[in-house]
Amino acid sequence: MCKRVEKLSIMLARLQRMGIDFLNVVDAAHRGTLQADALDGLPQPTQRGAQRLAGVDIQKPRMRAVLEAVLALAPSPEGFTI
C-alpha cells in the first residue's frame, strides 16, 4: 500500500499530461478544416518550385497501412518511440 501512495504523484502528473495532450488534439481537430474538394486532390501530384511531389492515394493498401500506424501511435502517452 505504501508503494502505491509514493507513486501517486507520478501517476497524477502523467494523467494530467495525458489530459492536456488530449485537449490539445481536440482543439487542433476542432480548428482544422478542409475545403470540400481537398480529399479529392490528394492523389494528384503537385509541384513545389522545380521539385515534383507525389500524391497520396489513401485507397492503396500501403498508404492505409501507414495511416493506421500513425493513428495507432497518436494517442501514445509517451509519444513516438523507436
PDB file of N, CA and C in Angstrom:
ATOM      1  N   MET A   1       0.829  -1.191   0.000  1.00  0.00           N
ATOM      2  CA  MET A   1       0.000   0.000   0.000  1.00  0.00           C
ATOM      3  C   MET A   1       0.872   1.252   0.000  1.00  0.00           C
ATOM      4  N   CYS A   2       1.984   1.239   0.720  1.00  0.00           N
ATOM      5  CA  CYS A   2       2.851   2.404   0.834  1.00  0.00           C
ATOM      6  C   CYS A   2       3.487   2.752  -0.515  1.00  0.00           C
ATOM      7  N   LYS A   3       3.862   1.717  -1.287  1.00  0.00           N
ATOM      8  CA  LYS A   3       4.473   1.960  -2.596  1.00  0.00           C
ATOM      9  C   LYS A   3       3.490   2.640  -3.537  1.00  0.00           C
ATOM     10  N   ARG A   4       2.233   2.271  -3.455  1.00  0.00           N
ATOM     11  CA  ARG A   4       1.207   2.883  -4.299  1.00  0.00           C
ATOM     12  C   ARG A   4       1.047   4.364  -3.977  1.00  0.00           C
ATOM     13  N   VAL A   5       1.089   4.705  -2.712  1.00  0.00           N
ATOM     14  CA  VAL A   5       0.945   6.095  -2.301  1.00  0.00           C
ATOM     15  C   VAL A   5       2.149   6.910  -2.770  1.00  0.00           C
ATOM     16  N   GLU A   6       3.327   6.316  -2.724  1.00  0.00           N
ATOM     17  CA  GLU A   6       4.532   7.017  -3.176  1.00  0.00           C
ATOM     18  C   GLU A   6       4.470   7.316  -4.673  1.00  0.00           C
ATOM     19  N   LYS A   7       3.850   6.448  -5.435  1.00  0.00           N
ATOM     20  CA  LYS A   7       3.775   6.620  -6.878  1.00  0.00           C
ATOM     21  C   LYS A   7       2.567   7.453  -7.316  1.00  0.00           C
ATOM     22  N   LEU A   8       1.736   7.846  -6.379  1.00  0.00           N
ATOM     23  CA  LEU A   8       0.523   8.577  -6.719  1.00  0.00           C
ATOM     24  C   LEU A   8       0.828   9.897  -7.429  1.00  0.00           C
ATOM     25  N   SER A   9       1.809  10.640  -6.937  1.00  0.00           N
ATOM     26  CA  SER A   9       2.119  11.930  -7.565  1.00  0.00           C
ATOM     27  C   SER A   9       2.632  11.738  -8.992  1.00  0.00           C
ATOM     28  N   ILE A  10       3.383  10.682  -9.242  1.00  0.00           N
ATOM     29  CA  ILE A  10       3.873  10.385 -10.593  1.00  0.00           C
ATOM     30  C   ILE A  10       2.705  10.036 -11.501  1.00  0.00           C
ATOM     31  N   MET A  11       1.794   9.196 -10.999  1.00  0.00           N
ATOM     32  CA  MET A  11       0.632   8.813 -11.801  1.00  0.00           C
ATOM     33  C   MET A  11      -0.257  10.015 -12.091  1.00  0.00           C
ATOM     34  N   LEU A  12      -0.460  10.877 -11.105  1.00  0.00           N
ATOM     35  CA  LEU A  12      -1.284  12.061 -11.315  1.00  0.00           C
ATOM     36  C   LEU A  12      -0.653  13.008 -12.334  1.00  0.00           C
ATOM     37  N   ALA A  13       0.662  13.161 -12.283  1.00  0.00           N
ATOM     38  CA  ALA A  13       1.348  14.016 -13.257  1.00  0.00           C
ATOM     39  C   ALA A  13       1.199  13.462 -14.671  1.00  0.00           C
ATOM     40  N   ARG A  14       1.325  12.144 -14.809  1.00  0.00           N
ATOM     41  CA  ARG A  14       1.144  11.516 -16.126  1.00  0.00           C
ATOM     42  C   ARG A  14      -0.287  11.677 -16.631  1.00  0.00           C
ATOM     43  N   LEU A  15      -1.249  11.469 -15.757  1.00  0.00           N
ATOM     44  CA  LEU A  15      -2.648  11.637 -16.146  1.00  0.00           C
ATOM     45  C   LEU A  15      -2.944  13.080 -16.546  1.00  0.00           C
ATOM     46  N   GLN A  16      -2.360  14.015 -15.814  1.00  0.00           N
ATOM     47  CA  GLN A  16      -2.553  15.419 -16.161  1.00  0.00           C
ATOM     48  C   GLN A  16      -1.969  15.715 -17.537  1.00  0.00           C
ATOM     49  N   ARG A  17      -0.761  15.200 -17.814  1.00  0.00           N
ATOM     50  CA  ARG A  17      -0.114  15.403 -19.117  1.00  0.00           C
ATOM     51  C   ARG A  17      -0.949  14.773 -20.235  1.00  0.00           C
ATOM     52  N   MET A  18      -1.485  13.575 -19.969  1.00  0.00           N
ATOM     53  CA  MET A  18      -2.325  12.909 -20.972  1.00  0.00           C
ATOM     54  C   MET A  18      -3.595  13.722 -21.239  1.00  0.00           C
ATOM     55  N   GLY A  19      -4.185  14.266 -20.207  1.00  0.00           N
ATOM     56  CA  GLY A  19      -5.379  15.084 -20.372  1.00  0.00           C
ATOM     57  C   GLY A  19      -5.093  16.344 -21.169  1.00  0.00           C
ATOM     58  N   ILE A  20      -3.989  16.995 -20.873  1.00  0.00           N
ATOM     59  CA  ILE A  20      -3.606  18.199 -21.612  1.00  0.00           C
ATOM     60  C   ILE A  20      -3.325  17.873 -23.075  1.00  0.00           C
ATOM     61  N   ASP A  21      -2.587  16.781 -23.324  1.00  0.00           N
ATOM     62  CA  ASP A  21      -2.297  16.368 -24.697  1.00  0.00           C
ATOM     63  C   ASP A  21      -3.585  16.060 -25.461  1.00  0.00           C
ATOM     64  N   PHE A  22      -4.504  15.373 -24.798  1.00  0.00           N
ATOM     65  CA  PHE A  22      -5.774  15.049 -25.434  1.00  0.00           C
ATOM     66  C   PHE A  22      -6.541  16.316 -25.792  1.00  0.00           C
ATOM     67  N   LEU A  23      -6.606  17.261 -24.871  1.00  0.00           N
ATOM     68  CA  LEU A  23      -7.321  18.510 -25.154  1.00  0.00           C
ATOM     69  C   LEU A  23      -6.655  19.307 -26.269  1.00  0.00           C
ATOM     70  N   ASN A  24      -5.329  19.248 -26.359  1.00  0.00           N
ATOM     71  CA  ASN A  24      -4.632  19.910 -27.468  1.00  0.00           C
ATOM     72  C   ASN A  24      -5.001  19.282 -28.807  1.00  0.00           C
ATOM     73  N   VAL A  25      -5.120  17.952 -28.829  1.00  0.00           N
ATOM     74  CA  VAL A  25      -5.519  17.272 -30.066  1.00  0.00           C
ATOM     75  C   VAL A  25      -6.954  17.635 -30.437  1.00  0.00           C
ATOM     76  N   VAL A  26      -7.828  17.642 -29.457  1.00  0.00           N
ATOM     77  CA  VAL A  26      -9.221  18.003 -29.721  1.00  0.00           C
ATOM     78  C   VAL A  26      -9.300  19.440 -30.232  1.00  0.00           C
ATOM     79  N   ASP A  27      -8.532  20.329 -29.644  1.00  0.00           N
ATOM     80  CA  ASP A  27      -8.523  21.721 -30.077  1.00  0.00           C
ATOM     81  C   ASP A  27      -8.010  21.842 -31.510  1.00  0.00           C
ATOM     82  N   ALA A  28      -6.935  21.119 -31.830  1.00  0.00           N
ATOM     83  CA  ALA A  28      -6.390  21.169 -33.187  1.00  0.00           C
ATOM     84  C   ALA A  28      -7.376  20.581 -34.190  1.00  0.00           C
ATOM     85  N   ALA A  29      -8.052  19.515 -33.819  1.00  0.00           N
ATOM     86  CA  ALA A  29      -9.031  18.908 -34.716  1.00  0.00           C
ATOM     87  C   ALA A  29     -10.232  19.831 -34.904  1.00  0.00           C
ATOM     88  N   HIS A  30     -10.586  20.535 -33.862  1.00  0.00           N
ATOM     89  CA  HIS A  30     -11.717  21.458 -33.940  1.00  0.00           C
ATOM     90  C   HIS A  30     -11.395  22.632 -34.862  1.00  0.00           C
ATOM     91  N   ARG A  31     -10.177  23.126 -34.804  1.00  0.00           N
ATOM     92  CA  ARG A  31      -9.778  24.281 -35.602  1.00  0.00           C
ATOM     93  C   ARG A  31      -9.454  23.915 -37.044  1.00  0.00           C
ATOM     94  N   GLY A  32      -8.963  22.711 -37.241  1.00  0.00           N
ATOM     95  CA  GLY A  32      -8.555  22.303 -38.580  1.00  0.00           C
ATOM     96  C   GLY A  32      -9.754  22.012 -39.469  1.00  0.00           C
ATOM     97  N   THR A  33      -9.797  22.661 -40.602  1.00  0.00           N
ATOM     98  CA  THR A  33     -10.873  22.412 -41.551  1.00  0.00           C
ATOM     99  C   THR A  33     -10.275  22.213 -42.937  1.00  0.00           C
ATOM    100  N   LEU A  34     -10.950  21.439 -43.736  1.00  0.00           N
ATOM    101  CA  LEU A  34     -10.529  21.189 -45.114  1.00  0.00           C
ATOM    102  C   LEU A  34     -11.599  21.721 -46.055  1.00  0.00           C
ATOM    103  N   GLN A  35     -11.161  22.137 -47.224  1.00  0.00           N
ATOM    104  CA  GLN A  35     -12.122  22.528 -48.240  1.00  0.00           C
ATOM    105  C   GLN A  35     -12.830  21.275 -48.730  1.00  0.00           C
ATOM    106  N   ALA A  36     -13.987  21.449 -49.340  1.00  0.00           N
ATOM    107  CA  ALA A  36     -14.813  20.314 -49.754  1.00  0.00           C
ATOM    108  C   ALA A  36     -14.097  19.390 -50.725  1.00  0.00           C
ATOM    109  N   ASP A  37     -13.255  19.920 -51.595  1.00  0.00           N
ATOM    110  CA  ASP A  37     -12.589  19.082 -52.603  1.00  0.00           C
ATOM    111  C   ASP A  37     -11.154  18.720 -52.225  1.00  0.00           C
ATOM    112  N   ALA A  38     -10.746  18.969 -50.999  1.00  0.00           N
ATOM    113  CA  ALA A  38      -9.359  18.719 -50.587  1.00  0.00           C
ATOM    114  C   ALA A  38      -9.001  17.235 -50.661  1.00  0.00           C
ATOM    115  N   LEU A  39      -9.891  16.353 -50.244  1.00  0.00           N
ATOM    116  CA  LEU A  39      -9.590  14.922 -50.268  1.00  0.00           C
ATOM    117  C   LEU A  39      -9.525  14.382 -51.696  1.00  0.00           C
ATOM    118  N   ASP A  40     -10.285  14.983 -52.600  1.00  0.00           N
ATOM    119  CA  ASP A  40     -10.248  14.549 -53.996  1.00  0.00           C
ATOM    120  C   ASP A  40      -8.907  14.855 -54.650  1.00  0.00           C
ATOM    121  N   GLY A  41      -8.229  15.888 -54.191  1.00  0.00           N
ATOM    122  CA  GLY A  41      -6.951  16.287 -54.779  1.00  0.00           C
ATOM    123  C   GLY A  41      -5.738  15.591 -54.198  1.00  0.00           C
ATOM    124  N   LEU A  42      -5.898  14.826 -53.124  1.00  0.00           N
ATOM    125  CA  LEU A  42      -4.746  14.159 -52.501  1.00  0.00           C
ATOM    126  C   LEU A  42      -3.982  13.223 -53.441  1.00  0.00           C
ATOM    127  N   PRO A  43      -4.644  12.416 -54.253  1.00  0.00           N
ATOM    128  CA  PRO A  43      -3.891  11.502 -55.118  1.00  0.00           C
ATOM    129  C   PRO A  43      -3.165  12.192 -56.273  1.00  0.00           C
ATOM    130  N   GLN A  44      -3.483  13.454 -56.541  1.00  0.00           N
ATOM    131  CA  GLN A  44      -2.875  14.156 -57.664  1.00  0.00           C
ATOM    132  C   GLN A  44      -1.468  14.652 -57.298  1.00  0.00           C
ATOM    133  N   PRO A  45      -0.498  14.511 -58.224  1.00  0.00           N
ATOM    134  CA  PRO A  45       0.844  15.041 -57.952  1.00  0.00           C
ATOM    135  C   PRO A  45       0.817  16.567 -57.925  1.00  0.00           C
ATOM    136  N   THR A  46       1.727  17.150 -57.164  1.00  0.00           N
ATOM    137  CA  THR A  46       1.841  18.600 -57.070  1.00  0.00           C
ATOM    138  C   THR A  46       3.274  19.005 -57.378  1.00  0.00           C
ATOM    139  N   GLN A  47       3.518  20.295 -57.415  1.00  0.00           N
ATOM    140  CA  GLN A  47       4.858  20.784 -57.700  1.00  0.00           C
ATOM    141  C   GLN A  47       5.195  21.899 -56.724  1.00  0.00           C
ATOM    142  N   ARG A  48       6.387  21.823 -56.161  1.00  0.00           N
ATOM    143  CA  ARG A  48       6.898  22.865 -55.267  1.00  0.00           C
ATOM    144  C   ARG A  48       8.198  23.365 -55.879  1.00  0.00           C
ATOM    145  N   GLY A  49       8.130  24.528 -56.459  1.00  0.00           N
ATOM    146  CA  GLY A  49       9.295  25.050 -57.174  1.00  0.00           C
ATOM    147  C   GLY A  49       9.587  24.152 -58.369  1.00  0.00           C
ATOM    148  N   ALA A  50      10.818  23.673 -58.464  1.00  0.00           N
ATOM    149  CA  ALA A  50      11.194  22.781 -59.558  1.00  0.00           C
ATOM    150  C   ALA A  50      10.973  21.312 -59.193  1.00  0.00           C
ATOM    151  N   GLN A  51      10.636  21.040 -57.944  1.00  0.00           N
ATOM    152  CA  GLN A  51      10.502  19.663 -57.471  1.00  0.00           C
ATOM    153  C   GLN A  51       9.063  19.170 -57.609  1.00  0.00           C
ATOM    154  N   ARG A  52       8.905  17.984 -58.200  1.00  0.00           N
ATOM    155  CA  ARG A  52       7.590  17.371 -58.345  1.00  0.00           C
ATOM    156  C   ARG A  52       7.349  16.436 -57.159  1.00  0.00           C
ATOM    157  N   LEU A  53       6.192  16.544 -56.543  1.00  0.00           N
ATOM    158  CA  LEU A  53       5.851  15.735 -55.366  1.00  0.00           C
ATOM    159  C   LEU A  53       4.701  14.797 -55.703  1.00  0.00           C
ATOM    160  N   ALA A  54       4.810  13.569 -55.236  1.00  0.00           N
ATOM    161  CA  ALA A  54       3.774  12.566 -55.499  1.00  0.00           C
ATOM    162  C   ALA A  54       2.541  12.831 -54.643  1.00  0.00           C
ATOM    163  N   GLY A  55       1.409  12.382 -55.125  1.00  0.00           N
ATOM    164  CA  GLY A  55       0.179  12.483 -54.369  1.00  0.00           C
ATOM    165  C   GLY A  55       0.066  11.334 -53.369  1.00  0.00           C
ATOM    166  N   VAL A  56      -0.951  11.388 -52.542  1.00  0.00           N
ATOM    167  CA  VAL A  56      -1.197  10.355 -51.534  1.00  0.00           C
ATOM    168  C   VAL A  56      -2.558   9.732 -51.830  1.00  0.00           C
ATOM    169  N   ASP A  57      -2.540   8.481 -52.278  1.00  0.00           N
ATOM    170  CA  ASP A  57      -3.786   7.782 -52.590  1.00  0.00           C
ATOM    171  C   ASP A  57      -4.132   6.874 -51.413  1.00  0.00           C
ATOM    172  N   ILE A  58      -5.116   7.291 -50.606  1.00  0.00           N
ATOM    173  CA  ILE A  58      -5.449   6.522 -49.398  1.00  0.00           C
ATOM    174  C   ILE A  58      -6.246   5.262 -49.717  1.00  0.00           C
ATOM    175  N   GLN A  59      -6.533   5.020 -50.988  1.00  0.00           N
ATOM    176  CA  GLN A  59      -7.219   3.791 -51.385  1.00  0.00           C
ATOM    177  C   GLN A  59      -6.241   2.626 -51.542  1.00  0.00           C
ATOM    178  N   LYS A  60      -4.939   2.919 -51.610  1.00  0.00           N
ATOM    179  CA  LYS A  60      -3.943   1.860 -51.779  1.00  0.00           C
ATOM    180  C   LYS A  60      -3.607   1.246 -50.420  1.00  0.00           C
ATOM    181  N   PRO A  61      -3.405  -0.078 -50.395  1.00  0.00           N
ATOM    182  CA  PRO A  61      -3.145  -0.761 -49.116  1.00  0.00           C
ATOM    183  C   PRO A  61      -1.923  -0.226 -48.364  1.00  0.00           C
ATOM    184  N   ARG A  62      -0.882   0.154 -49.090  1.00  0.00           N
ATOM    185  CA  ARG A  62       0.338   0.644 -48.434  1.00  0.00           C
ATOM    186  C   ARG A  62       0.063   1.948 -47.681  1.00  0.00           C
ATOM    187  N   MET A  63      -0.648   2.857 -48.311  1.00  0.00           N
ATOM    188  CA  MET A  63      -0.968   4.130 -47.658  1.00  0.00           C
ATOM    189  C   MET A  63      -1.915   3.923 -46.483  1.00  0.00           C
ATOM    190  N   ARG A  64      -2.840   2.991 -46.622  1.00  0.00           N
ATOM    191  CA  ARG A  64      -3.745   2.690 -45.497  1.00  0.00           C
ATOM    192  C   ARG A  64      -2.970   2.145 -44.305  1.00  0.00           C
ATOM    193  N   ALA A  65      -1.961   1.304 -44.586  1.00  0.00           N
ATOM    194  CA  ALA A  65      -1.130   0.763 -43.502  1.00  0.00           C
ATOM    195  C   ALA A  65      -0.370   1.885 -42.798  1.00  0.00           C
ATOM    196  N   VAL A  66       0.131   2.842 -43.564  1.00  0.00           N
ATOM    197  CA  VAL A  66       0.842   3.982 -42.968  1.00  0.00           C
ATOM    198  C   VAL A  66      -0.108   4.800 -42.099  1.00  0.00           C
ATOM    199  N   LEU A  67      -1.293   5.073 -42.605  1.00  0.00           N
ATOM    200  CA  LEU A  67      -2.273   5.842 -41.832  1.00  0.00           C
ATOM    201  C   LEU A  67      -2.685   5.112 -40.553  1.00  0.00           C
ATOM    202  N   GLU A  68      -2.850   3.797 -40.640  1.00  0.00           N
ATOM    203  CA  GLU A  68      -3.205   3.022 -39.445  1.00  0.00           C
ATOM    204  C   GLU A  68      -2.088   3.073 -38.410  1.00  0.00           C
ATOM    205  N   ALA A  69      -0.831   3.015 -38.875  1.00  0.00           N
ATOM    206  CA  ALA A  69       0.303   3.078 -37.945  1.00  0.00           C
ATOM    207  C   ALA A  69       0.378   4.438 -37.261  1.00  0.00           C
ATOM    208  N   VAL A  70       0.180   5.495 -38.013  1.00  0.00           N
ATOM    209  CA  VAL A  70       0.218   6.840 -37.429  1.00  0.00           C
ATOM    210  C   VAL A  70      -0.905   7.014 -36.422  1.00  0.00           C
ATOM    211  N   LEU A  71      -2.092   6.546 -36.770  1.00  0.00           N
ATOM    212  CA  LEU A  71      -3.221   6.671 -35.842  1.00  0.00           C
ATOM    213  C   LEU A  71      -3.028   5.823 -34.592  1.00  0.00           C
ATOM    214  N   ALA A  72      -2.391   4.663 -34.743  1.00  0.00           N
ATOM    215  CA  ALA A  72      -2.145   3.805 -33.568  1.00  0.00           C
ATOM    216  C   ALA A  72      -1.149   4.461 -32.618  1.00  0.00           C
ATOM    217  N   LEU A  73      -0.187   5.197 -33.143  1.00  0.00           N
ATOM    218  CA  LEU A  73       0.823   5.830 -32.300  1.00  0.00           C
ATOM    219  C   LEU A  73       0.379   7.187 -31.751  1.00  0.00           C
ATOM    220  N   ALA A  74      -0.596   7.800 -32.369  1.00  0.00           N
ATOM    221  CA  ALA A  74      -1.003   9.156 -31.991  1.00  0.00           C
ATOM    222  C   ALA A  74      -1.391   9.308 -30.515  1.00  0.00           C
ATOM    223  N   PRO A  75      -2.213   8.413 -29.936  1.00  0.00           N
ATOM    224  CA  PRO A  75      -2.608   8.629 -28.545  1.00  0.00           C
ATOM    225  C   PRO A  75      -1.617   8.090 -27.518  1.00  0.00           C
ATOM    226  N   SER A  76      -0.426   7.695 -27.936  1.00  0.00           N
ATOM    227  CA  SER A  76       0.543   7.132 -27.002  1.00  0.00           C
ATOM    228  C   SER A  76       0.962   8.181 -25.971  1.00  0.00           C
ATOM    229  N   PRO A  77       0.804   7.907 -24.680  1.00  0.00           N
ATOM    230  CA  PRO A  77       1.120   8.911 -23.652  1.00  0.00           C
ATOM    231  C   PRO A  77       2.590   9.282 -23.600  1.00  0.00           C
ATOM    232  N   GLU A  78       3.472   8.405 -24.023  1.00  0.00           N
ATOM    233  CA  GLU A  78       4.906   8.689 -24.003  1.00  0.00           C
ATOM    234  C   GLU A  78       5.389   9.259 -25.323  1.00  0.00           C
ATOM    235  N   GLY A  79       4.512   9.398 -26.312  1.00  0.00           N
ATOM    236  CA  GLY A  79       4.902   9.926 -27.620  1.00  0.00           C
ATOM    237  C   GLY A  79       5.476   8.841 -28.504  1.00  0.00           C
ATOM    238  N   PHE A  80       6.097   9.265 -29.596  1.00  0.00           N
ATOM    239  CA  PHE A  80       6.665   8.316 -30.541  1.00  0.00           C
ATOM    240  C   PHE A  80       7.977   7.769 -30.020  1.00  0.00           C
ATOM    241  N   THR A  81       8.172   6.476 -30.197  1.00  0.00           N
ATOM    242  CA  THR A  81       9.437   5.855 -29.810  1.00  0.00           C
ATOM    243  C   THR A  81       9.894   4.943 -30.953  1.00  0.00           C
ATOM    244  N   ILE A  82      11.135   4.537 -30.897  1.00  0.00           N
ATOM    245  CA  ILE A  82      11.687   3.676 -31.946  1.00  0.00           C
ATOM    246  C   ILE A  82      11.406   2.226 -31.595  1.00  0.00           C
TER     247      ILE A  82
END
